[in-house]
Amino acid sequence: MSATNIQTEGIDFSAKIRRNLSPAQLYEDALRYEPGTAISSTGALIASSGKKTGRSPRDKRVVEESSTVDDVWWGPVNKKLSEEAFAINYERAANYLNTRERLYVFDGYAGWDPKYRIKVRVICARAYHALFMNNMLIRPTQQELENFGEPDFTIVNAGQFPANRFTKGMTSPTSVAISFERRQMVILGTEYAGEMKKGVFTVMHYLMPKAGVLSLHSSCNEGPDGDVSLFFGLSGTGKTTLSADPQRPLIGDDEHVWTESGVFNIEGGCYAKTIDLSAEKEPEIFNAIRFGSVLENVIFDQNTRTVDYTDKSITENTRCAYPIEYIPNAKIPCVGGNPKNIVLLTCDAFGVLPPVAKLTPAQAMYHFISGYTAKIAGTEEGVTEPEATFSACFGQPFLVWHPVKYAQMLAQKMQEHNVNVWLVNTGWNGGAYGIGKRISLKYSRAIIDAIHSGELEKAEYSSYGVFNLQIPNAVPNVPAKVLDPSQAWEGTTQEFGETITKLARLFQANFKEYADKATPEIIAAGPQL
């Protein structure tokens, strides 16, 4: 296609422009011009993201602008950048892109609902980046491309070129900066493609609540009767695994918006972790790695091009980006009705949270704002102490508004649609990490099945002290002892009491940051000592 109607100030489009190429054309360019690129034995494009193999949250900046300054939750997540510094970064990126022999432009949509979707343009110098976003955004039809017009948001990716560390607000050669007023994102000093994906999500996380609809960092599936479930959870809690259900079509695995009429997926693809991936454990993801998919930073056999998914020598964060239609039971278009169930997943390594609890609306807001899970320190040098991690709204790095805004919108939606909210712990039972055992995946699946069948809604419940949670007395195919951590605990009663008190104090200390904007009901819904 011609370079007409591309208006991006300072970037010279008279050079060789490669606009909206097919995956096959992008493969050819990547293999020809980008060192370290190969085709895997199953047909995926293997690419290298260079030095950076993950996101750089410390280098993320949001421009302080009069039109948005009062909206943004400023602090460790959203660090301020001046308009002047952003303009310098933009100029630097444009100057770099103008030296390239080829520029790639990809036009796509964020959001499956035409009423709320935004048009995104990606300008970059790597075929790998263009193919990645071709997978992650929603691919327009030929007719939609012809009438695409001006984008609502532009990503200017000059990731091969560093930021100038003397520019005010820069702390390293890496910079990922968003200007809501200019509707631009500029990337310098990192070639990790995930920055673009999460940049789009950050933009939607700002624009959607402003439009009165709720953006969510969650996976989503739909039952045979059209009943929709949302799954929130941080890394390692089972969000992807438990939402992948052969009986329930997948609406999306990571980013959604809840509108007046239901939910829609923001993305046109999935970005799955591939470390230790196997056809036995995760057949859908394994089989999605084929022609058109992008594999990042994996190790492969130089002769057969077979990927070794157990090899972490480049990074533990090996990943694959593929179009959502590569998942056999994906629901296309990726939209559904209003959710019936919300599952808040946590992996509690202290062994004191129950495998499942039914939450009141106030508890749902408290646990949503807290976003708790636990990291396992491992056995290095005898360290067996679990580490509590809190990530507001189960996606703190991508929030733009204050967490309470998202929580209040969620509470309103839950009330309007009479949604059940469940806290599901996929972590330890019978004792903390190192003593107890991880809750069996088959028990977690049985719990999710009982939620979906409606059995848990009708169950009898008992109150679980300190956290004041309602836990079911029985769940089909789950031993009764497992359901109550105080009964499953293999140590002394005193040890149990000390451990649950410790976790409750960590929750309380974390929530102090949000208490000024939270109602007394929400604060009272947390653990009480």
Protein backbone atom coordinates (compact mmCIF):
# COMPACT_ATOMS: atom_id res chain seq x y z
CA MET A 1 0.00 0.00 0.00
CA SER A 2 1.07 3.59 -0.54
CA ALA A 3 2.25 5.85 2.23
CA THR A 4 -0.68 8.24 1.82
CA ASN A 5 -2.59 9.44 4.90
CA ILE A 6 0.32 8.66 7.22
CA GLN A 7 0.84 11.95 9.02
CA THR A 8 3.40 11.62 11.77
CA GLU A 9 5.39 14.75 12.33
CA GLY A 10 9.12 14.56 11.75
CA ILE A 11 9.19 11.03 10.32
CA ASP A 12 10.21 10.84 6.66
CA PHE A 13 7.86 8.49 4.83
CA SER A 14 9.44 9.09 1.44
CA ALA A 15 11.88 6.27 2.30
CA LYS A 16 11.01 2.63 1.66
CA ILE A 17 7.78 2.13 3.56
CA ARG A 18 6.58 -1.40 4.33
CA ARG A 19 2.93 -0.94 5.24
CA ASN A 20 0.55 -3.63 6.52
CA LEU A 21 2.59 -6.48 5.09
CA SER A 22 1.38 -10.08 5.28
CA PRO A 23 3.05 -12.43 7.79
CA ALA A 24 4.87 -14.15 4.89
CA GLN A 25 6.40 -10.84 3.75
CA LEU A 26 7.39 -9.96 7.32
CA TYR A 27 9.04 -13.40 7.69
CA GLU A 28 11.11 -12.73 4.56
CA ASP A 29 12.30 -9.34 5.81
CA ALA A 30 13.03 -10.60 9.34
CA LEU A 31 15.11 -13.51 8.02
CA ARG A 32 16.94 -11.29 5.54
CA TYR A 33 17.71 -8.27 7.71
CA GLU A 34 17.57 -9.27 11.39
CA PRO A 35 20.39 -11.37 12.86
CA GLY A 36 19.35 -14.20 15.17
CA THR A 37 16.07 -14.79 13.32
CA ALA A 38 15.07 -18.30 12.22
CA ILE A 39 12.05 -20.47 11.44
CA SER A 40 11.20 -23.11 14.05
CA SER A 41 10.49 -26.73 13.10
CA THR A 42 6.74 -25.98 13.49
CA GLY A 43 6.91 -22.84 11.32
CA ALA A 44 6.99 -20.05 13.93
CA LEU A 45 9.33 -17.07 13.49
CA ILE A 46 12.07 -17.15 16.13
CA ALA A 47 13.26 -13.64 17.05
CA SER A 48 15.66 -12.06 19.51
CA SER A 49 14.71 -9.02 21.56
CA GLY A 50 18.36 -8.21 22.29
CA LYS A 51 19.55 -7.18 25.77
CA LYS A 52 16.09 -6.59 27.21
CA THR A 53 14.09 -9.80 27.58
CA GLY A 54 11.27 -8.37 29.70
CA ARG A 55 9.45 -5.13 30.41
CA SER A 56 11.26 -2.19 32.06
CA PRO A 57 8.64 -0.78 34.49
CA ARG A 58 11.18 1.56 36.11
CA ASP A 59 11.67 3.31 32.77
CA LYS A 60 7.96 3.90 32.11
CA ARG A 61 6.84 7.55 32.08
CA VAL A 62 3.55 9.39 31.59
CA VAL A 63 3.62 12.97 30.35
CA GLU A 64 2.30 15.55 32.81
CA GLU A 65 -0.29 17.47 30.76
CA SER A 66 -2.97 19.93 31.82
CA SER A 67 -5.76 17.83 30.26
CA THR A 68 -4.89 14.65 32.19
CA VAL A 69 -2.82 15.70 35.23
CA ASP A 70 -5.76 15.41 37.65
CA ASP A 71 -6.80 11.97 36.33
CA VAL A 72 -3.52 10.09 36.71
CA TRP A 73 -2.52 8.13 39.84
CA TRP A 74 0.97 9.59 40.13
CA GLY A 75 3.61 7.66 42.06
CA PRO A 76 5.85 4.65 41.54
CA VAL A 77 3.72 3.28 38.64
CA ASN A 78 3.06 6.53 36.77
CA LYS A 79 6.18 8.66 36.97
CA LYS A 80 5.92 12.17 35.55
CA LEU A 81 7.72 13.30 32.39
CA SER A 82 7.66 16.86 31.09
CA GLU A 83 6.17 17.68 27.69
CA GLU A 84 9.59 19.00 26.64
CA ALA A 85 11.38 15.75 27.57
CA PHE A 86 8.76 13.73 25.65
CA ALA A 87 9.28 15.99 22.60
CA ILE A 88 13.06 15.39 22.82
CA ASN A 89 12.48 11.60 22.98
CA TYR A 90 10.07 11.76 20.06
CA GLU A 91 12.54 13.76 17.99
CA ARG A 92 15.30 11.30 18.86
CA ALA A 93 13.11 8.35 17.80
CA ALA A 94 12.05 10.11 14.56
CA ASN A 95 15.67 10.96 13.71
CA TYR A 96 16.70 7.34 14.23
CA LEU A 97 13.82 5.96 12.15
CA ASN A 98 14.71 8.42 9.36
CA THR A 99 18.15 6.76 9.05
CA ARG A 100 16.64 3.31 8.40
CA GLU A 101 16.39 1.85 4.91
CA ARG A 102 12.98 0.36 5.69
CA LEU A 103 10.14 1.43 7.94
CA TYR A 104 7.27 -0.86 8.92
CA VAL A 105 3.79 0.44 9.57
CA PHE A 106 1.00 -1.71 10.97
CA ASP A 107 -2.55 -0.45 11.43
CA GLY A 108 -4.85 -2.38 13.75
CA TYR A 109 -7.59 -2.09 16.34
CA ALA A 110 -7.59 -2.37 20.14
CA GLY A 111 -10.98 -3.69 21.23
CA TRP A 112 -13.48 -6.04 19.56
CA ASP A 113 -16.50 -3.81 20.23
CA PRO A 114 -16.73 -1.25 17.37
CA LYS A 115 -18.31 1.27 19.77
CA TYR A 116 -15.23 1.41 22.00
CA ARG A 117 -12.33 0.18 19.89
CA ILE A 118 -9.46 2.51 19.04
CA LYS A 119 -7.35 2.63 15.88
CA VAL A 120 -3.66 2.02 16.62
CA ARG A 121 -0.76 2.65 14.26
CA VAL A 122 2.63 1.06 14.92
CA ILE A 123 5.73 2.56 13.27
CA CYS A 124 8.90 0.53 13.74
CA ALA A 125 12.16 -0.53 12.09
CA ARG A 126 11.97 -4.28 12.73
CA ALA A 127 9.82 -6.80 10.86
CA TYR A 128 9.63 -8.83 14.10
CA HIS A 129 7.94 -5.91 15.87
CA ALA A 130 5.45 -5.43 13.01
CA LEU A 131 4.56 -9.15 13.01
CA PHE A 132 4.24 -9.18 16.81
CA MET A 133 1.70 -6.33 16.73
CA ASN A 134 -0.05 -7.91 13.73
CA ASN A 135 -0.70 -10.81 16.13
CA MET A 136 -1.53 -8.79 19.24
CA LEU A 137 -3.85 -6.14 17.77
CA ILE A 138 -7.09 -6.95 15.93
CA ARG A 139 -6.37 -7.30 12.22
CA PRO A 140 -8.58 -5.08 10.04
CA THR A 141 -10.22 -6.40 6.87
CA GLN A 142 -8.95 -5.06 3.53
CA GLN A 143 -11.92 -2.70 3.35
CA GLU A 144 -11.34 -1.47 6.92
CA LEU A 145 -7.69 -0.79 6.05
CA GLU A 146 -8.66 1.26 3.01
CA ASN A 147 -10.91 3.41 5.21
CA PHE A 148 -8.60 3.38 8.25
CA GLY A 149 -7.85 7.13 8.14
CA GLU A 150 -5.91 8.69 10.98
CA PRO A 151 -5.11 6.57 14.04
CA ASP A 152 -6.39 7.35 17.55
CA PHE A 153 -3.01 6.36 18.95
CA THR A 154 0.49 5.87 17.49
CA ILE A 155 3.38 3.78 18.78
CA VAL A 156 6.75 5.07 17.60
CA ASN A 157 9.15 2.21 18.29
CA ALA A 158 12.81 3.13 17.93
CA GLY A 159 13.85 0.51 20.45
CA GLN A 160 17.23 -0.21 18.84
CA PHE A 161 18.32 3.36 19.68
CA PRO A 162 18.95 4.49 23.28
CA ALA A 163 17.40 7.42 25.10
CA ASN A 164 19.75 10.26 26.00
CA ARG A 165 20.39 9.85 29.73
CA PHE A 166 20.94 13.61 30.07
CA THR A 167 17.34 14.28 29.02
CA LYS A 168 15.47 15.37 32.16
CA GLY A 169 13.50 12.44 33.60
CA MET A 170 15.62 9.67 32.07
CA THR A 171 17.22 7.22 34.47
CA SER A 172 18.73 4.81 31.92
CA PRO A 173 19.18 4.40 28.15
CA THR A 174 15.68 2.82 28.13
CA SER A 175 12.54 4.93 27.95
CA VAL A 176 8.91 3.93 27.45
CA ALA A 177 6.84 7.12 27.49
CA ILE A 178 3.15 7.83 26.85
CA SER A 179 1.56 11.17 26.03
CA PHE A 180 -2.25 11.04 26.26
CA GLU A 181 -2.55 14.52 24.78
CA ARG A 182 -0.38 13.76 21.74
CA ARG A 183 -1.83 10.23 21.64
CA GLN A 184 1.62 8.76 21.21
CA MET A 185 3.93 6.25 22.80
CA VAL A 186 7.68 6.48 22.20
CA ILE A 187 10.00 3.53 22.85
CA LEU A 188 13.80 3.93 23.08
CA GLY A 189 16.47 1.55 24.30
CA THR A 190 14.49 -1.70 24.42
CA GLU A 191 13.53 -4.13 21.65
CA TYR A 192 11.30 -6.22 23.92
CA ALA A 193 8.01 -6.40 22.00
CA GLY A 194 5.86 -6.75 25.13
CA GLU A 195 6.32 -3.01 25.80
CA MET A 196 4.03 -2.27 22.83
CA LYS A 197 1.35 -4.74 23.98
CA LYS A 198 1.26 -3.34 27.51
CA GLY A 199 1.50 0.23 26.17
CA VAL A 200 -1.78 -0.29 24.31
CA PHE A 201 -3.31 -1.79 27.48
CA THR A 202 -2.17 1.21 29.55
CA VAL A 203 -3.82 3.55 27.04
CA MET A 204 -7.07 1.53 27.16
CA HIS A 205 -6.82 1.46 30.97
CA TYR A 206 -7.02 5.27 30.82
CA LEU A 207 -9.50 5.81 27.97
CA MET A 208 -12.09 3.18 28.89
CA PRO A 209 -12.90 4.38 32.46
CA LYS A 210 -12.98 7.93 31.02
CA ALA A 211 -15.66 6.64 28.60
CA GLY A 212 -17.56 5.11 31.54
CA VAL A 213 -16.62 1.47 30.92
CA LEU A 214 -14.28 -0.74 32.93
CA SER A 215 -10.95 -2.07 31.64
CA LEU A 216 -9.71 -5.25 33.34
CA HIS A 217 -6.47 -7.22 33.51
CA SER A 218 -8.16 -10.61 33.34
CA SER A 219 -8.82 -13.70 31.26
CA CYS A 220 -12.37 -14.53 30.22
CA ASN A 221 -14.37 -17.53 29.01
CA GLU A 222 -18.00 -18.36 28.27
CA GLY A 223 -20.15 -21.36 29.15
CA PRO A 224 -22.60 -23.24 26.90
CA ASP A 225 -25.49 -21.10 28.23
CA GLY A 226 -23.65 -17.86 27.50
CA ASP A 227 -22.57 -17.45 31.14
CA VAL A 228 -19.33 -15.46 31.23
CA SER A 229 -16.56 -15.78 33.83
CA LEU A 230 -13.69 -13.37 34.48
CA PHE A 231 -10.42 -14.64 36.00
CA PHE A 232 -8.05 -12.22 37.72
CA GLY A 233 -4.63 -13.34 38.89
CA LEU A 234 -0.96 -12.47 38.88
CA SER A 235 1.73 -14.61 37.31
CA GLY A 236 1.80 -18.20 38.59
CA THR A 237 -1.74 -18.24 40.02
CA GLY A 238 -3.31 -20.28 37.19
CA LYS A 239 -5.15 -17.50 35.30
CA THR A 240 -4.31 -18.91 31.86
CA THR A 241 -4.53 -22.58 32.88
CA LEU A 242 -7.89 -22.38 34.67
CA SER A 243 -9.56 -20.21 32.02
CA ALA A 244 -8.49 -22.70 29.30
CA ASP A 245 -11.45 -25.06 29.50
CA PRO A 246 -12.44 -27.34 26.59
CA GLN A 247 -16.13 -26.96 27.59
CA ARG A 248 -16.00 -23.15 27.59
CA PRO A 249 -14.95 -21.01 24.59
CA LEU A 250 -12.12 -18.54 25.33
CA ILE A 251 -12.97 -14.85 24.86
CA GLY A 252 -9.42 -13.78 25.77
CA ASP A 253 -6.45 -14.53 28.01
CA ASP A 254 -5.32 -11.17 29.37
CA GLU A 255 -7.12 -7.85 28.70
CA HIS A 256 -10.84 -7.06 28.64
CA VAL A 257 -13.38 -4.26 28.92
CA TRP A 258 -16.77 -4.53 30.65
CA THR A 259 -19.36 -2.28 29.01
CA GLU A 260 -23.10 -1.70 29.45
CA SER A 261 -23.79 -4.72 27.22
CA GLY A 262 -21.08 -7.21 28.29
CA VAL A 263 -17.37 -7.87 27.86
CA PHE A 264 -14.98 -7.64 24.95
CA ASN A 265 -11.35 -8.61 24.49
CA ILE A 266 -8.93 -5.75 23.78
CA GLU A 267 -6.52 -7.94 21.81
CA GLY A 268 -6.44 -9.97 18.61
CA GLY A 269 -3.96 -12.49 19.95
CA CYS A 270 -2.31 -14.15 22.95
CA TYR A 271 1.16 -13.67 24.44
CA ALA A 272 1.91 -16.90 26.27
CA LYS A 273 4.87 -17.88 28.43
CA THR A 274 6.62 -20.88 26.90
CA ILE A 275 9.08 -21.88 29.62
CA ASP A 276 8.67 -25.65 30.22
CA LEU A 277 5.83 -25.73 27.68
CA SER A 278 4.74 -29.22 26.62
CA ALA A 279 2.06 -30.69 24.36
CA GLU A 280 0.83 -32.79 27.31
CA LYS A 281 0.38 -29.94 29.82
CA GLU A 282 -0.87 -27.16 27.51
CA PRO A 283 -1.82 -28.61 24.11
CA GLU A 284 -3.70 -25.49 22.91
CA ILE A 285 -0.71 -23.18 23.37
CA PHE A 286 1.77 -25.78 22.10
CA ASN A 287 -0.21 -26.27 18.88
CA ALA A 288 -0.65 -22.52 18.35
CA ILE A 289 3.09 -22.19 17.75
CA ARG A 290 3.06 -22.44 13.98
CA PHE A 291 3.40 -20.27 10.86
CA GLY A 292 2.53 -16.66 11.74
CA SER A 293 3.43 -16.99 15.44
CA VAL A 294 6.45 -15.19 16.94
CA LEU A 295 8.73 -17.01 19.40
CA GLU A 296 10.97 -14.77 21.52
CA ASN A 297 14.40 -15.54 22.97
CA VAL A 298 14.12 -19.33 22.80
CA ILE A 299 16.97 -21.82 22.33
CA PHE A 300 16.63 -24.24 19.42
CA ASP A 301 18.59 -27.02 17.72
CA GLN A 302 20.60 -25.46 14.88
CA ASN A 303 19.96 -28.40 12.54
CA THR A 304 16.38 -29.46 13.21
CA ARG A 305 15.16 -26.02 14.43
CA THR A 306 13.32 -27.84 17.24
CA VAL A 307 12.82 -25.51 20.21
CA ASP A 308 13.96 -26.57 23.69
CA TYR A 309 11.29 -25.03 25.91
CA THR A 310 13.15 -26.06 29.07
CA ASP A 311 16.22 -23.97 28.21
CA LYS A 312 16.38 -20.72 30.22
CA SER A 313 19.86 -19.68 29.12
CA ILE A 314 18.67 -16.45 27.43
CA THR A 315 15.79 -15.75 29.82
CA GLU A 316 13.12 -17.48 31.86
CA ASN A 317 10.65 -15.13 30.16
CA THR A 318 10.50 -16.97 26.81
CA ARG A 319 7.24 -16.21 25.03
CA CYS A 320 5.09 -16.74 21.97
CA ALA A 321 2.67 -14.30 20.33
CA TYR A 322 -0.01 -15.82 18.11
CA PRO A 323 -3.41 -14.79 16.69
CA ILE A 324 -6.29 -15.77 18.97
CA GLU A 325 -7.88 -17.86 16.20
CA TYR A 326 -4.95 -20.30 16.61
CA ILE A 327 -6.68 -21.45 19.83
CA PRO A 328 -9.25 -24.10 18.76
CA ASN A 329 -12.10 -23.02 21.04
CA ALA A 330 -11.58 -19.25 20.82
CA LYS A 331 -14.82 -17.31 20.43
CA ILE A 332 -14.59 -15.00 17.39
CA PRO A 333 -15.53 -12.16 17.55
CA CYS A 334 -14.14 -12.03 21.09
CA VAL A 335 -17.19 -10.62 22.86
CA GLY A 336 -19.59 -11.98 25.48
CA GLY A 337 -22.46 -11.01 27.76
CA ASN A 338 -22.30 -9.65 31.31
CA PRO A 339 -20.22 -11.86 33.65
CA LYS A 340 -21.99 -14.18 36.05
CA ASN A 341 -18.88 -15.18 38.03
CA ILE A 342 -15.65 -13.38 38.91
CA VAL A 343 -12.73 -15.47 40.18
CA LEU A 344 -9.91 -13.72 42.06
CA LEU A 345 -6.96 -16.12 41.94
CA THR A 346 -4.16 -16.09 44.45
CA CYS A 347 -1.25 -18.41 45.16
CA ASP A 348 -0.87 -18.25 48.94
CA ALA A 349 2.47 -19.73 49.94
CA PHE A 350 1.72 -19.22 53.66
CA GLY A 351 -0.87 -22.03 53.53
CA VAL A 352 -3.62 -20.15 55.42
CA LEU A 353 -6.02 -18.91 52.74
CA PRO A 354 -8.82 -21.36 51.81
CA PRO A 355 -8.93 -23.03 48.36
CA VAL A 356 -12.24 -21.22 47.76
CA ALA A 357 -14.32 -18.56 49.53
CA LYS A 358 -17.45 -16.66 48.50
CA LEU A 359 -16.90 -12.91 48.86
CA THR A 360 -19.33 -10.15 49.84
CA PRO A 361 -19.27 -7.04 47.55
CA ALA A 362 -17.10 -5.17 50.10
CA GLN A 363 -14.69 -8.13 50.40
CA ALA A 364 -14.55 -8.37 46.61
CA MET A 365 -13.44 -4.72 46.44
CA TYR A 366 -10.91 -5.20 49.26
CA HIS A 367 -9.30 -8.24 47.64
CA PHE A 368 -9.45 -6.69 44.15
CA ILE A 369 -7.64 -3.55 45.38
CA SER A 370 -5.13 -5.71 47.32
CA GLY A 371 -4.28 -8.06 44.41
CA TYR A 372 -2.44 -10.52 46.66
CA THR A 373 -0.28 -13.47 45.75
CA ALA A 374 2.98 -14.85 47.18
CA LYS A 375 6.31 -15.41 45.53
CA ILE A 376 8.30 -18.44 46.57
CA ALA A 377 11.81 -17.53 47.58
CA GLY A 378 13.00 -21.04 46.77
CA THR A 379 15.60 -23.01 48.70
CA GLU A 380 18.66 -20.94 47.81
CA GLU A 381 20.94 -20.60 50.84
CA GLY A 382 18.19 -22.01 53.04
CA VAL A 383 15.66 -19.26 52.23
CA THR A 384 12.21 -20.82 52.52
CA GLU A 385 10.26 -17.75 53.63
CA PRO A 386 7.41 -16.92 51.20
CA GLU A 387 7.25 -13.30 50.08
CA ALA A 388 3.85 -11.57 49.92
CA THR A 389 3.25 -9.59 46.73
CA PHE A 390 0.43 -7.09 46.26
CA SER A 391 -0.45 -5.68 42.85
CA ALA A 392 -3.50 -3.38 42.91
CA CYS A 393 -6.41 -4.57 40.71
CA PHE A 394 -4.24 -7.58 39.79
CA GLY A 395 -2.36 -5.37 37.31
CA GLN A 396 -0.73 -2.44 39.12
CA PRO A 397 1.99 -1.72 36.49
CA PHE A 398 -0.71 -0.82 33.93
CA LEU A 399 -3.08 1.28 36.06
CA VAL A 400 -3.50 4.94 35.17
CA TRP A 401 -6.34 5.99 37.50
CA HIS A 402 -6.28 5.37 41.26
CA PRO A 403 -7.04 1.68 42.03
CA VAL A 404 -10.18 2.66 43.97
CA LYS A 405 -11.72 4.06 40.76
CA TYR A 406 -11.47 0.65 39.05
CA ALA A 407 -12.73 -1.08 42.21
CA GLN A 408 -15.76 1.22 42.53
CA MET A 409 -16.65 0.65 38.88
CA LEU A 410 -16.31 -3.11 39.43
CA ALA A 411 -18.55 -2.95 42.54
CA GLN A 412 -21.22 -1.09 40.59
CA LYS A 413 -21.10 -3.71 37.80
CA MET A 414 -21.27 -6.56 40.31
CA GLN A 415 -24.30 -5.02 41.98
CA GLU A 416 -26.09 -4.26 38.67
CA HIS A 417 -25.66 -7.80 37.38
CA ASN A 418 -25.79 -9.74 40.66
CA VAL A 419 -22.35 -11.29 40.03
CA ASN A 420 -20.82 -13.94 42.30
CA VAL A 421 -17.24 -13.23 43.34
CA TRP A 422 -14.93 -15.99 44.51
CA LEU A 423 -11.47 -15.98 46.05
CA VAL A 424 -9.67 -19.11 44.80
CA ASN A 425 -6.30 -20.04 46.30
CA THR A 426 -4.15 -22.28 44.09
CA GLY A 427 -1.22 -22.13 46.53
CA TRP A 428 -0.31 -24.14 49.61
CA ASN A 429 -2.41 -26.27 51.95
CA GLY A 430 -1.48 -28.16 55.12
CA GLY A 431 1.34 -25.74 55.91
CA ALA A 432 3.46 -23.00 54.39
CA TYR A 433 5.77 -23.51 51.40
CA GLY A 434 8.39 -26.13 52.33
CA ILE A 435 6.01 -27.95 54.73
CA GLY A 436 2.56 -28.11 53.11
CA LYS A 437 1.70 -29.14 49.57
CA ARG A 438 0.53 -27.10 46.61
CA ILE A 439 -3.23 -27.52 46.12
CA SER A 440 -3.71 -30.11 43.40
CA LEU A 441 -4.69 -28.69 39.99
CA LYS A 442 -7.51 -31.27 39.83
CA TYR A 443 -8.98 -29.81 43.07
CA SER A 444 -8.72 -26.27 41.66
CA ARG A 445 -10.43 -27.41 38.45
CA ALA A 446 -13.16 -29.16 40.51
CA ILE A 447 -13.74 -25.88 42.39
CA ILE A 448 -14.02 -23.90 39.14
CA ASP A 449 -16.39 -26.56 37.74
CA ALA A 450 -18.57 -26.28 40.88
CA ILE A 451 -18.66 -22.49 40.45
CA HIS A 452 -19.74 -22.86 36.82
CA SER A 453 -22.34 -25.57 37.52
CA GLY A 454 -23.97 -23.37 40.19
CA GLU A 455 -23.33 -25.97 42.94
CA LEU A 456 -21.17 -23.60 45.01
CA GLU A 457 -23.85 -20.91 44.94
CA LYS A 458 -26.23 -23.33 46.69
CA ALA A 459 -23.63 -24.78 49.12
CA GLU A 460 -23.67 -24.39 52.89
CA TYR A 461 -20.96 -22.09 54.26
CA SER A 462 -19.00 -21.61 57.46
CA SER A 463 -17.21 -18.49 58.62
CA TYR A 464 -13.41 -18.58 58.49
CA GLY A 465 -11.87 -16.41 61.22
CA VAL A 466 -9.43 -13.44 60.96
CA PHE A 467 -10.14 -13.00 57.22
CA ASN A 468 -13.88 -13.49 57.95
CA LEU A 469 -14.33 -15.46 54.71
CA GLN A 470 -17.29 -17.71 53.88
CA ILE A 471 -15.96 -21.18 52.99
CA PRO A 472 -18.13 -24.03 51.63
CA ASN A 473 -18.56 -27.10 53.82
CA ALA A 474 -18.35 -29.37 50.77
CA VAL A 475 -17.26 -29.23 47.13
CA PRO A 476 -17.67 -32.26 44.81
CA ASN A 477 -14.35 -34.11 44.25
CA VAL A 478 -12.46 -32.01 46.83
CA PRO A 479 -11.66 -33.54 50.28
CA ALA A 480 -13.46 -31.64 53.07
CA LYS A 481 -10.22 -31.33 55.06
CA VAL A 482 -8.58 -29.39 52.21
CA LEU A 483 -11.36 -26.75 52.20
CA ASP A 484 -10.52 -25.47 55.71
CA PRO A 485 -6.82 -24.55 56.09
CA SER A 486 -7.05 -24.69 59.91
CA GLN A 487 -8.13 -28.36 59.61
CA ALA A 488 -5.58 -29.20 56.92
CA TRP A 489 -2.69 -27.57 58.88
CA GLU A 490 -0.11 -30.16 59.87
CA GLY A 491 1.72 -28.05 62.44
CA THR A 492 0.55 -26.79 65.84
CA THR A 493 -2.50 -24.58 66.42
CA GLN A 494 -0.14 -21.88 67.70
CA GLU A 495 1.90 -21.97 64.46
CA PHE A 496 -1.28 -21.67 62.43
CA GLY A 497 -2.41 -18.67 64.50
CA GLU A 498 0.97 -16.95 64.14
CA THR A 499 1.06 -17.53 60.36
CA ILE A 500 -2.47 -16.25 59.68
CA THR A 501 -1.79 -13.21 61.90
CA LYS A 502 1.40 -12.49 59.97
CA LEU A 503 -0.41 -12.60 56.61
CA ALA A 504 -3.29 -10.46 57.97
CA ARG A 505 -0.78 -7.80 59.10
CA LEU A 506 0.82 -7.79 55.63
CA PHE A 507 -2.63 -7.21 54.09
CA GLN A 508 -3.35 -4.38 56.53
CA ALA A 509 0.01 -2.69 55.98
CA ASN A 510 -0.42 -2.87 52.19
CA PHE A 511 -3.97 -1.46 52.30
CA LYS A 512 -2.89 1.70 54.18
CA GLU A 513 -1.85 3.14 50.81
CA TYR A 514 -5.46 3.02 49.58
CA ALA A 515 -7.34 3.66 52.84
CA ASP A 516 -7.73 7.42 52.22
CA LYS A 517 -9.92 6.78 49.16
CA ALA A 518 -11.65 3.59 50.37
CA THR A 519 -14.98 3.54 52.24
CA PRO A 520 -15.21 2.27 55.85
CA GLU A 521 -17.10 -0.80 54.49
CA ILE A 522 -14.18 -1.75 52.23
CA ILE A 523 -11.60 -1.27 55.01
CA ALA A 524 -13.74 -3.37 57.40
CA ALA A 525 -13.92 -6.16 54.79
CA GLY A 526 -10.23 -6.93 55.26
CA PRO A 527 -8.71 -9.21 57.92
CA GLN A 528 -9.49 -8.19 61.52
CA LEU A 529 -7.06 -8.90 64.34
